[in-house]
Amino acid sequence: MKSPVLALAAALAAAGLAVPAVTAPTATAAQPAAAARSVKITDGCVRSVPEPGTRAKVKICYTLFKPARAHRRHRVPMLMHSHGWGGSRATAAGIDQVRGYLDAGYGVLSFDQRGFGESGGKAYVENPAYEGRDVRRLVRRIATLRWVQKDGRRDPRLGAVGGSYGGGYQFVGAFEQLRTRGKPVFDALAPEITWHDLSESLAPEGVVRTEWAAVLGAGALPSDALPPSVYQALVEGVATGQWPDGSIPGTQDLSTFFRRNGPKWHVQQGRRLDIPVLLGQGTTDTLFNLQQGLAIWRTALTRKARRHSIFVGYNGGHVLPAVLPAGVDVTSDPCSRKLGGGDFQRLAIRFFDEQLRARKRTLKGYGRVHLATPTGGCVTTRSVAPNRAYDVGTVTTPTVAGAPVATEIAKGPLTVAGSPYLTGKVTALGLDSRAFYGLAVGTSPLDARLVQNNVLPLREPTSVQGVARRVALPSVGVQVPAGQSLYLLATPISDTFVGMGSRVPGLITIDDTQVHLPVVRR
């Protein structure tokens, strides 16, 4: 019988799925290298919780970077760093990943997450029982270093950086420390392009984001990092378009597997973080979209923490070409430049200087959400909730195949920043009917393009007629100029959800449609 790993590889090849890019805007000026060259670099491993059904502890390996000036009489704050999915830690050869933080005088511990690099075990995708305990073990290792600044016994002055999977460890680590010690131990976080809820990210409304589900498996193939039942489930999801529920023998119920693996679950357990967070999210990210970051901001942080935190949305992240429906091709970070004078890393260094070193606060924008627009602007708002409703009448789209349909919402000038949604009465007479919705800008319905490349699905598993529905629309930051209009775009197909449209031909009609927008100014 073919192994799950080979089966997934074959499924990816048969579907012609390529690995999409993960992009983040970077500064044009190179960081000075003198401080980074003079650091002391040490490799090591700690022993962490065994794999299920075994007794042998799993090694979690790291590289420790000690700045030249750090010693027991001149202690420095420490930053943890880890890699994205399928990657590995920063080492002497990969020092550029952490050079900016070293040049700023911070110690850095970069580690291979469970299942990747030199670390052992399987990847449980930031499960508190595994990766959460790995982070706790590494924090204990940091607490033994005499040159690291301390706030108490086993309590180092500690921040964390990293994007995507490297953002996920920050939340599981902080929440696990909060659960076990009553405080997060981390004093500040700077996660980028990470998730609130993995199942919602990979399969909103149970509709699989095809390429990203495939990439989750493909990124784990080189080290065979995932449990076999998860590989089998991903094969099923890519092949059938249904989010696996474990009903097929040998596969994993992915909603159960991912249930604890993100801030959403911790919040459901009554935990919220009361520490400053610089949260960066990709506005054009089609995996961990802007909604995911805003959900973290809104629910996972206390009100007090938000007053000392900053949310930055930049054009980048996990990106796919937006061909159908047509979107934009832009990578930019105007908000980090506006707030911190450079890229996100420079902003993070200034943020840590103020939060970990108690330097005079000069950064602006605390307590607010700052979103990049596709045209290079930066829109700032305190609330991302809709505050205005627009009637757009009846919206009809065919299922299975057909061209996108654009319906005008409002004429520019108009600025929108936050999380819109639509309401209406849905009629879908087929079985498992699906359509996708987003916001677009153009001079007419013919040239309207998705604001930041995202659509979200409406799925009706059974036949319905005139049923009231609320449908989430992708979160956006956009400035619609005079002479152009904002449109509701409805489409039966999307290249983000390739092959995941309706199972039978038909129509989805929404009557009495209202689009609810978070309008900043008109």
Protein backbone atom coordinates (compact mmCIF):
# COMPACT_ATOMS: atom_id res chain seq x y z
CA MET A 1 0.00 0.00 0.00
CA LYS A 2 1.29 3.46 -0.91
CA SER A 3 2.42 5.50 2.11
CA PRO A 4 0.49 8.65 3.08
CA VAL A 5 3.55 10.74 2.21
CA LEU A 6 3.79 9.32 -1.31
CA ALA A 7 0.03 9.56 -1.73
CA LEU A 8 0.10 13.25 -0.90
CA ALA A 9 3.03 13.85 -3.23
CA ALA A 10 1.13 12.09 -6.03
CA ALA A 11 -2.01 14.09 -5.30
CA LEU A 12 -0.06 17.34 -5.47
CA ALA A 13 1.57 16.38 -8.74
CA ALA A 14 -1.70 15.22 -10.28
CA ALA A 15 -3.39 18.48 -9.32
CA GLY A 16 -0.51 20.51 -10.74
CA LEU A 17 -0.24 22.47 -7.51
CA ALA A 18 2.79 24.67 -7.01
CA VAL A 19 4.01 26.05 -3.71
CA PRO A 20 2.84 29.68 -3.47
CA ALA A 21 5.12 32.46 -2.29
CA VAL A 22 5.34 33.94 1.18
CA THR A 23 6.30 37.59 0.77
CA ALA A 24 6.93 40.38 3.22
CA PRO A 25 8.11 43.89 2.42
CA THR A 26 11.72 44.51 3.40
CA ALA A 27 13.86 47.57 3.92
CA THR A 28 16.05 48.70 1.04
CA ALA A 29 19.03 49.60 3.21
CA ALA A 30 21.24 46.76 4.47
CA GLN A 31 21.63 46.39 8.22
CA PRO A 32 25.14 47.09 9.61
CA ALA A 33 26.99 43.82 10.11
CA ALA A 34 29.68 44.65 12.70
CA ALA A 35 27.67 43.75 15.80
CA ALA A 36 26.31 40.57 14.24
CA ARG A 37 29.81 39.37 13.29
CA SER A 38 31.01 39.73 16.88
CA VAL A 39 28.32 37.65 18.53
CA LYS A 40 29.09 34.34 20.21
CA ILE A 41 27.15 31.49 18.56
CA THR A 42 26.35 28.26 20.40
CA ASP A 43 24.28 25.27 19.25
CA GLY A 44 22.42 23.00 21.62
CA CYS A 45 19.30 20.93 22.24
CA VAL A 46 16.84 20.50 25.10
CA ARG A 47 14.76 17.42 25.84
CA SER A 48 11.00 17.80 25.69
CA VAL A 49 7.80 15.77 25.91
CA PRO A 50 7.86 12.32 24.20
CA GLU A 51 5.77 11.38 21.20
CA PRO A 52 2.42 9.67 21.93
CA GLY A 53 2.90 6.07 23.04
CA THR A 54 6.66 6.46 23.62
CA ARG A 55 8.89 7.28 26.58
CA ALA A 56 11.94 8.76 24.92
CA LYS A 57 12.08 12.53 25.23
CA VAL A 58 12.23 14.47 21.98
CA LYS A 59 15.17 16.77 21.31
CA ILE A 60 14.40 20.38 20.36
CA CYS A 61 17.49 22.03 18.91
CA TYR A 62 18.46 25.68 18.95
CA THR A 63 21.17 28.19 18.10
CA LEU A 64 22.00 30.80 20.74
CA PHE A 65 23.36 34.21 19.71
CA LYS A 66 25.08 36.16 22.52
CA PRO A 67 25.91 39.80 21.72
CA ALA A 68 29.52 40.82 22.36
CA ARG A 69 28.65 43.30 25.12
CA ALA A 70 26.38 40.90 27.01
CA HIS A 71 27.71 39.50 30.30
CA ARG A 72 26.54 39.06 33.90
CA ARG A 73 27.27 42.74 34.69
CA HIS A 74 25.60 43.97 31.51
CA ARG A 75 22.56 41.80 31.02
CA VAL A 76 20.41 42.14 27.91
CA PRO A 77 16.85 41.19 26.96
CA MET A 78 16.38 38.02 24.91
CA LEU A 79 14.30 37.42 21.79
CA MET A 80 13.09 33.98 20.73
CA HIS A 81 12.88 33.32 16.99
CA SER A 82 11.60 30.43 14.91
CA HIS A 83 10.93 29.57 11.31
CA GLY A 84 7.95 29.24 9.00
CA TRP A 85 6.31 25.92 8.08
CA GLY A 86 8.82 23.54 6.50
CA GLY A 87 11.79 25.75 7.44
CA SER A 88 14.55 25.61 10.00
CA ARG A 89 16.22 27.85 12.56
CA ALA A 90 18.73 30.63 12.03
CA THR A 91 22.29 29.37 12.43
CA ALA A 92 25.71 30.88 11.80
CA ALA A 93 25.08 30.44 8.07
CA GLY A 94 21.62 32.00 8.36
CA ILE A 95 22.45 34.86 10.66
CA ASP A 96 20.78 37.36 8.31
CA GLN A 97 17.41 36.14 9.63
CA VAL A 98 18.17 37.73 13.01
CA ARG A 99 20.95 40.22 12.19
CA GLY A 100 18.85 43.33 12.82
CA TYR A 101 17.99 42.23 16.36
CA LEU A 102 21.61 41.33 17.12
CA ASP A 103 22.81 44.69 15.81
CA ALA A 104 20.34 46.32 18.18
CA GLY A 105 21.96 44.51 21.13
CA TYR A 106 19.41 41.77 21.80
CA GLY A 107 20.29 38.17 22.51
CA VAL A 108 18.50 35.71 20.22
CA LEU A 109 17.60 32.05 20.59
CA SER A 110 16.43 30.56 17.29
CA PHE A 111 15.05 27.03 17.35
CA ASP A 112 13.87 24.22 15.09
CA GLN A 113 10.28 23.39 15.84
CA ARG A 114 9.26 19.81 16.52
CA GLY A 115 9.43 17.74 13.32
CA PHE A 116 11.71 20.17 11.45
CA GLY A 117 15.43 20.85 11.09
CA GLU A 118 17.47 18.97 13.67
CA SER A 119 14.60 18.64 16.14
CA GLY A 120 12.88 15.28 16.56
CA GLY A 121 9.28 14.15 16.76
CA LYS A 122 6.28 14.97 14.60
CA ALA A 123 4.70 18.38 14.04
CA TYR A 124 1.39 18.85 15.85
CA VAL A 125 1.04 22.36 14.41
CA GLU A 126 1.39 24.34 17.66
CA ASN A 127 -0.55 22.01 19.92
CA PRO A 128 -0.20 23.11 23.58
CA ALA A 129 0.58 19.53 24.66
CA TYR A 130 3.60 19.32 22.34
CA GLU A 131 4.90 22.54 20.81
CA GLY A 132 3.56 24.48 23.80
CA ARG A 133 5.68 22.38 26.16
CA ASP A 134 8.66 22.68 23.81
CA VAL A 135 8.52 26.47 24.12
CA ARG A 136 8.20 26.22 27.90
CA ARG A 137 11.32 24.05 28.00
CA LEU A 138 13.28 26.54 25.89
CA VAL A 139 12.22 29.42 28.14
CA ARG A 140 13.61 27.48 31.11
CA ARG A 141 16.89 27.15 29.20
CA ILE A 142 16.99 30.90 28.57
CA ALA A 143 16.34 31.56 32.25
CA THR A 144 19.63 29.80 33.14
CA LEU A 145 21.75 32.24 31.10
CA ARG A 146 23.54 34.64 33.42
CA TRP A 147 23.90 37.34 30.75
CA VAL A 148 20.12 37.56 30.13
CA GLN A 149 18.15 40.21 32.01
CA LYS A 150 15.72 38.74 34.57
CA ASP A 151 12.47 39.95 36.10
CA GLY A 152 12.45 37.19 38.69
CA ARG A 153 13.34 33.56 39.21
CA ARG A 154 12.89 31.62 35.95
CA ASP A 155 11.53 34.82 34.40
CA PRO A 156 13.82 36.26 31.69
CA ARG A 157 13.10 39.61 30.06
CA LEU A 158 11.76 38.05 26.89
CA GLY A 159 10.28 38.94 23.52
CA ALA A 160 9.54 36.83 20.45
CA VAL A 161 9.67 37.25 16.67
CA GLY A 162 8.84 35.20 13.60
CA GLY A 163 6.22 34.86 10.90
CA SER A 164 3.56 32.33 9.88
CA TYR A 165 4.44 29.13 11.80
CA GLY A 166 7.04 31.32 13.52
CA GLY A 167 4.17 33.44 14.78
CA GLY A 168 2.17 30.44 15.93
CA TYR A 169 4.77 29.33 18.49
CA GLN A 170 4.62 32.77 20.12
CA PHE A 171 0.95 32.44 20.96
CA VAL A 172 1.06 28.81 22.06
CA GLY A 173 4.08 29.60 24.23
CA ALA A 174 2.60 32.71 25.84
CA PHE A 175 -0.77 31.06 26.47
CA GLU A 176 0.86 27.93 27.90
CA GLN A 177 2.94 29.99 30.30
CA LEU A 178 -0.21 31.89 31.27
CA ARG A 179 -2.00 28.58 31.92
CA THR A 180 0.77 26.99 33.94
CA ARG A 181 2.33 29.99 35.72
CA GLY A 182 -0.45 32.55 35.79
CA LYS A 183 1.46 34.94 33.52
CA PRO A 184 2.76 34.70 29.95
CA VAL A 185 6.49 35.08 30.94
CA PHE A 186 6.94 36.65 27.50
CA ASP A 187 6.99 40.42 28.00
CA ALA A 188 6.17 41.37 24.40
CA LEU A 189 5.47 39.60 21.10
CA ALA A 190 5.91 40.57 17.43
CA PRO A 191 4.19 37.83 15.39
CA GLU A 192 3.62 38.20 11.64
CA ILE A 193 1.12 36.62 9.22
CA THR A 194 -0.14 34.00 11.66
CA TRP A 195 -3.52 32.51 12.51
CA HIS A 196 -6.40 32.74 14.95
CA ASP A 197 -8.09 29.46 13.95
CA LEU A 198 -6.37 26.92 11.66
CA SER A 199 -9.50 25.15 10.45
CA GLU A 200 -11.11 28.46 9.53
CA SER A 201 -7.92 29.48 7.73
CA LEU A 202 -7.57 26.28 5.72
CA ALA A 203 -11.28 25.66 5.10
CA PRO A 204 -13.63 28.58 5.83
CA GLU A 205 -17.23 27.32 5.96
CA GLY A 206 -15.75 23.85 5.30
CA VAL A 207 -14.63 24.87 1.79
CA VAL A 208 -10.99 23.86 1.38
CA ARG A 209 -8.39 26.42 0.34
CA THR A 210 -6.99 23.86 -2.05
CA GLU A 211 -3.45 25.00 -2.64
CA TRP A 212 -2.81 25.95 0.95
CA ALA A 213 -4.07 22.61 2.28
CA ALA A 214 -1.72 20.98 -0.21
CA VAL A 215 1.18 23.18 0.82
CA LEU A 216 0.70 22.23 4.48
CA GLY A 217 1.42 18.65 3.48
CA ALA A 218 4.08 19.47 0.89
CA GLY A 219 6.08 21.59 3.36
CA ALA A 220 6.22 18.65 5.75
CA LEU A 221 7.23 16.06 3.14
CA PRO A 222 11.04 16.51 3.25
CA SER A 223 11.21 15.65 6.96
CA ASP A 224 8.01 13.54 7.06
CA ALA A 225 6.92 15.86 9.83
CA LEU A 226 3.17 15.21 10.07
CA PRO A 227 1.46 12.14 11.56
CA PRO A 228 0.38 9.67 8.80
CA SER A 229 -3.34 10.12 9.46
CA VAL A 230 -2.99 13.87 8.85
CA TYR A 231 -1.26 13.28 5.50
CA GLN A 232 -4.10 10.96 4.50
CA ALA A 233 -6.68 13.55 5.53
CA LEU A 234 -4.95 16.24 3.48
CA VAL A 235 -5.00 13.93 0.45
CA GLU A 236 -8.72 13.51 1.02
CA GLY A 237 -9.29 17.25 1.38
CA VAL A 238 -7.37 18.14 -1.79
CA ALA A 239 -9.12 15.38 -3.76
CA THR A 240 -12.69 15.87 -2.58
CA GLY A 241 -12.95 19.49 -1.49
CA GLN A 242 -14.52 18.41 1.80
CA TRP A 243 -12.80 19.25 5.09
CA PRO A 244 -11.99 15.75 6.41
CA ASP A 245 -14.04 14.61 9.41
CA GLY A 246 -12.32 11.25 9.98
CA SER A 247 -15.14 9.24 8.41
CA ILE A 248 -12.72 7.59 5.95
CA PRO A 249 -10.64 4.88 7.69
CA GLY A 250 -7.04 5.90 8.33
CA THR A 251 -7.70 9.64 8.11
CA GLN A 252 -7.79 12.27 10.80
CA ASP A 253 -10.70 14.55 11.70
CA LEU A 254 -8.82 17.77 10.93
CA SER A 255 -11.18 20.03 12.87
CA THR A 256 -10.41 17.96 15.97
CA PHE A 257 -6.68 17.81 15.18
CA PHE A 258 -6.46 21.60 14.83
CA ARG A 259 -9.00 22.54 17.54
CA ARG A 260 -6.49 23.56 20.24
CA ASN A 261 -3.87 24.90 17.86
CA GLY A 262 -4.42 28.64 17.94
CA PRO A 263 -5.52 31.65 19.99
CA LYS A 264 -9.21 30.91 19.41
CA TRP A 265 -9.12 27.80 21.62
CA HIS A 266 -7.24 29.54 24.42
CA VAL A 267 -9.75 32.39 24.41
CA GLN A 268 -12.56 29.82 24.62
CA GLN A 269 -10.87 28.52 27.77
CA GLY A 270 -11.08 31.99 29.29
CA ARG A 271 -7.47 33.05 28.69
CA ARG A 272 -6.41 36.40 27.22
CA LEU A 273 -2.94 37.91 26.98
CA ASP A 274 -2.22 41.06 28.97
CA ILE A 275 1.10 41.92 27.27
CA PRO A 276 2.04 44.30 24.43
CA VAL A 277 1.88 42.80 20.94
CA LEU A 278 3.09 44.24 17.64
CA LEU A 279 0.90 42.25 15.27
CA GLY A 280 1.74 42.24 11.55
CA GLN A 281 -0.73 40.73 9.08
CA GLY A 282 -0.79 40.51 5.28
CA THR A 283 -3.68 42.37 3.67
CA THR A 284 -3.14 40.32 0.48
CA ASP A 285 -2.56 37.11 2.42
CA THR A 286 -4.91 34.40 1.13
CA LEU A 287 -4.15 31.83 3.85
CA PHE A 288 -3.95 33.65 7.18
CA ASN A 289 -5.94 36.57 5.90
CA LEU A 290 -6.54 39.92 7.53
CA GLN A 291 -9.58 38.50 9.36
CA GLN A 292 -7.33 36.11 11.25
CA GLY A 293 -5.09 38.85 12.58
CA LEU A 294 -7.99 41.13 13.47
CA ALA A 295 -9.65 38.27 15.37
CA ILE A 296 -6.48 37.89 17.46
CA TRP A 297 -6.39 41.64 18.08
CA ARG A 298 -10.05 41.77 19.07
CA THR A 299 -10.35 38.61 21.20
CA ALA A 300 -6.93 37.32 22.34
CA LEU A 301 -5.65 40.54 23.94
CA THR A 302 -7.11 42.31 26.93
CA ARG A 303 -8.33 45.88 26.49
CA LYS A 304 -5.34 47.04 28.52
CA ALA A 305 -2.95 45.08 26.30
CA ARG A 306 -4.42 46.62 23.14
CA ARG A 307 -3.69 50.11 24.50
CA HIS A 308 0.00 49.15 24.49
CA SER A 309 -0.11 47.19 21.23
CA ILE A 310 0.01 48.04 17.53
CA PHE A 311 -1.65 46.30 14.57
CA VAL A 312 0.01 46.71 11.17
CA GLY A 313 -1.42 45.36 7.93
CA TYR A 314 0.95 45.26 4.96
CA ASN A 315 0.54 44.12 1.37
CA GLY A 316 2.22 40.72 1.44
CA GLY A 317 2.15 37.45 3.34
CA HIS A 318 1.03 34.10 1.94
CA VAL A 319 0.14 35.22 -1.56
CA LEU A 320 -1.31 33.59 -4.65
CA PRO A 321 -1.70 35.14 -8.10
CA ALA A 322 -5.20 36.65 -8.20
CA VAL A 323 -6.22 35.74 -11.74
CA LEU A 324 -9.86 34.75 -11.36
CA PRO A 325 -11.32 36.93 -10.02
CA ALA A 326 -8.67 39.49 -10.99
CA GLY A 327 -6.88 41.15 -8.09
CA VAL A 328 -3.82 43.28 -7.48
CA ASP A 329 -0.08 42.50 -7.54
CA VAL A 330 1.52 44.68 -4.90
CA THR A 331 4.04 44.24 -2.08
CA SER A 332 4.39 47.25 0.21
CA ASP A 333 4.46 48.27 3.86
CA PRO A 334 3.48 51.93 4.11
CA CYS A 335 2.24 51.62 7.70
CA SER A 336 5.52 50.32 9.17
CA ARG A 337 7.29 53.11 7.31
CA LYS A 338 4.82 55.69 8.63
CA LEU A 339 5.04 54.46 12.23
CA GLY A 340 8.65 53.36 12.54
CA GLY A 341 10.56 54.86 9.63
CA GLY A 342 11.39 51.57 7.92
CA ASP A 343 10.25 47.99 7.46
CA PHE A 344 8.42 45.79 9.99
CA GLN A 345 11.66 44.57 11.59
CA ARG A 346 12.80 48.12 12.24
CA LEU A 347 9.40 48.88 13.75
CA ALA A 348 9.71 45.73 15.90
CA ILE A 349 13.12 46.81 17.21
CA ARG A 350 11.76 50.20 18.26
CA PHE A 351 8.74 48.45 19.80
CA PHE A 352 10.97 46.10 21.83
CA ASP A 353 13.21 49.00 22.87
CA GLU A 354 10.17 50.66 24.41
CA GLN A 355 8.59 47.50 25.85
CA LEU A 356 11.64 45.49 26.99
CA ARG A 357 14.16 48.26 27.69
CA ALA A 358 11.67 50.87 28.94
CA ARG A 359 13.07 53.48 26.60
CA LYS A 360 11.14 56.71 26.13
CA ARG A 361 8.02 56.04 24.06
CA THR A 362 8.37 57.75 20.70
CA LEU A 363 6.38 55.37 18.53
CA LYS A 364 2.94 56.54 17.55
CA GLY A 365 -0.04 54.39 16.77
CA TYR A 366 -0.46 52.38 19.96
CA GLY A 367 -3.98 51.06 20.48
CA ARG A 368 -4.92 51.35 16.83
CA VAL A 369 -5.16 49.33 13.63
CA HIS A 370 -3.10 50.53 10.66
CA LEU A 371 -3.91 48.98 7.28
CA ALA A 372 -2.02 49.31 4.00
CA THR A 373 -4.10 50.06 0.93
CA PRO A 374 -3.35 48.60 -2.51
CA THR A 375 -2.31 52.06 -3.74
CA GLY A 376 0.34 52.61 -1.06
CA GLY A 377 -1.67 54.48 1.56
CA CYS A 378 -1.99 53.69 5.27
CA VAL A 379 -5.42 53.93 6.88
CA THR A 380 -5.65 54.15 10.67
CA THR A 381 -8.74 53.26 12.71
CA ARG A 382 -9.69 52.43 16.29
CA SER A 383 -12.61 50.17 15.35
CA VAL A 384 -12.83 47.69 12.48
CA ALA A 385 -16.54 47.03 13.01
CA PRO A 386 -19.02 48.02 10.25
CA ASN A 387 -20.82 51.29 10.89
CA ARG A 388 -22.79 51.82 7.66
CA ALA A 389 -25.12 49.64 5.57
CA TYR A 390 -25.71 49.92 1.80
CA ASP A 391 -28.65 48.38 -0.05
CA VAL A 392 -27.58 46.62 -3.26
CA GLY A 393 -30.77 44.70 -4.13
CA THR A 394 -30.58 41.21 -5.61
CA VAL A 395 -27.24 39.49 -6.27
CA THR A 396 -27.29 36.34 -8.40
CA THR A 397 -24.39 34.13 -9.43
CA PRO A 398 -24.31 30.79 -11.24
CA THR A 399 -22.64 27.85 -9.58
CA VAL A 400 -19.95 25.51 -10.99
CA ALA A 401 -18.89 27.94 -13.77
CA GLY A 402 -19.39 31.48 -14.99
CA ALA A 403 -17.92 34.97 -14.90
CA PRO A 404 -17.70 37.10 -11.73
CA VAL A 405 -20.60 39.51 -11.23
CA ALA A 406 -19.89 43.01 -9.85
CA THR A 407 -22.67 45.02 -8.17
CA GLU A 408 -22.03 48.64 -7.23
CA ILE A 409 -22.12 49.44 -3.51
CA ALA A 410 -21.08 53.10 -3.40
CA LYS A 411 -19.19 55.69 -5.42
CA GLY A 412 -15.88 57.17 -4.32
CA PRO A 413 -14.35 58.93 -2.61
CA LEU A 414 -14.75 56.38 0.16
CA THR A 415 -12.36 54.90 2.72
CA VAL A 416 -13.04 51.48 4.23
CA ALA A 417 -10.90 49.79 6.89
CA GLY A 418 -11.97 46.68 8.76
CA SER A 419 -14.21 43.64 8.49
CA PRO A 420 -17.32 44.03 6.29
CA TYR A 421 -20.12 41.54 5.80
CA LEU A 422 -23.32 41.17 3.81
CA THR A 423 -26.82 40.15 4.85
CA GLY A 424 -29.74 38.97 2.75
CA LYS A 425 -32.18 36.18 1.94
CA VAL A 426 -30.47 33.27 0.22
CA THR A 427 -32.05 30.90 -2.30
CA ALA A 428 -30.03 27.92 -3.54
CA LEU A 429 -31.99 24.98 -4.92
CA GLY A 430 -29.09 22.58 -5.53
CA LEU A 431 -27.09 20.46 -3.11
CA ASP A 432 -23.81 21.74 -1.67
CA SER A 433 -24.10 25.06 -3.49
CA ARG A 434 -21.09 27.36 -3.17
CA ALA A 435 -20.23 30.88 -4.27
CA PHE A 436 -17.48 33.33 -3.31
CA TYR A 437 -17.75 37.02 -2.38
CA GLY A 438 -15.37 39.94 -1.98
CA LEU A 439 -15.00 43.67 -2.46
CA ALA A 440 -13.64 45.19 -5.68
CA VAL A 441 -12.78 48.65 -6.98
CA GLY A 442 -13.01 49.99 -10.52
CA THR A 443 -14.52 52.56 -12.86
CA SER A 444 -17.17 50.04 -13.97
CA PRO A 445 -18.23 46.44 -13.30
CA LEU A 446 -16.07 45.38 -16.25
CA ASP A 447 -12.75 46.56 -14.81
CA ALA A 448 -13.45 46.08 -11.09
CA ARG A 449 -10.61 44.20 -9.35
CA LEU A 450 -10.54 42.54 -5.95
CA VAL A 451 -9.33 45.03 -3.35
CA GLN A 452 -6.66 42.78 -1.82
CA ASN A 453 -7.13 39.47 -3.62
CA ASN A 454 -9.40 37.74 -1.11
CA VAL A 455 -12.83 36.16 -1.40
CA LEU A 456 -14.79 34.18 1.19
CA PRO A 457 -17.32 31.38 0.55
CA LEU A 458 -21.03 31.03 1.10
CA ARG A 459 -21.92 27.34 1.32
CA GLU A 460 -25.41 25.87 1.43
CA PRO A 461 -25.19 22.09 1.99
CA THR A 462 -28.90 21.59 1.27
CA SER A 463 -31.56 23.32 -0.79
CA VAL A 464 -32.78 26.60 0.79
CA GLN A 465 -35.23 29.30 -0.26
CA GLY A 466 -35.36 32.82 1.17
CA VAL A 467 -33.30 31.96 4.26
CA ALA A 468 -31.71 34.90 6.11
CA ARG A 469 -27.93 34.73 6.09
CA ARG A 470 -24.98 36.80 7.22
CA VAL A 471 -21.93 36.26 5.01
CA ALA A 472 -18.45 37.44 6.01
CA LEU A 473 -16.56 39.48 3.42
CA PRO A 474 -12.76 39.72 3.43
CA SER A 475 -11.33 42.39 5.70
CA VAL A 476 -9.79 45.26 3.74
CA GLY A 477 -8.11 48.62 3.86
CA VAL A 478 -8.99 50.66 0.76
CA GLN A 479 -9.32 54.23 -0.37
CA VAL A 480 -11.77 54.40 -3.29
CA PRO A 481 -10.96 57.58 -5.28
CA ALA A 482 -13.41 59.90 -6.97
CA GLY A 483 -14.39 58.55 -10.36
CA GLN A 484 -14.32 54.94 -9.17
CA SER A 485 -16.75 52.79 -7.20
CA LEU A 486 -16.69 50.04 -4.60
CA TYR A 487 -18.36 46.82 -5.81
CA LEU A 488 -19.58 43.58 -4.31
CA LEU A 489 -18.00 40.85 -6.40
CA ALA A 490 -19.76 37.46 -6.58
CA THR A 491 -18.11 34.57 -8.38
CA PRO A 492 -18.79 30.83 -8.78
CA ILE A 493 -15.06 30.00 -8.86
CA SER A 494 -11.85 31.29 -7.28
CA ASP A 495 -8.24 30.35 -7.90
CA THR A 496 -7.68 30.40 -4.11
CA PHE A 497 -10.31 27.66 -3.83
CA VAL A 498 -9.46 25.92 -7.12
CA GLY A 499 -11.77 22.96 -7.72
CA MET A 500 -13.85 23.80 -4.65
CA GLY A 501 -16.93 25.31 -6.35
CA SER A 502 -20.45 23.86 -6.29
CA ARG A 503 -20.96 20.18 -6.96
CA VAL A 504 -23.98 20.63 -9.29
CA PRO A 505 -24.97 23.47 -11.66
CA GLY A 506 -27.50 26.01 -10.45
CA LEU A 507 -27.88 29.53 -9.07
CA ILE A 508 -27.33 31.23 -5.75
CA THR A 509 -29.54 34.28 -5.31
CA ILE A 510 -29.38 36.76 -2.44
CA ASP A 511 -32.41 39.06 -2.17
CA ASP A 512 -32.62 42.24 -0.08
CA THR A 513 -28.84 42.31 0.02
CA GLN A 514 -27.16 44.80 2.30
CA VAL A 515 -23.40 45.32 2.49
CA HIS A 516 -22.21 46.48 5.92
CA LEU A 517 -18.97 48.49 5.73
CA PRO A 518 -16.52 49.91 8.29
CA VAL A 519 -16.33 53.37 6.76
CA VAL A 520 -13.50 55.56 8.06
CA ARG A 521 -14.38 58.73 6.20
CA ARG A 522 -16.29 59.78 3.14
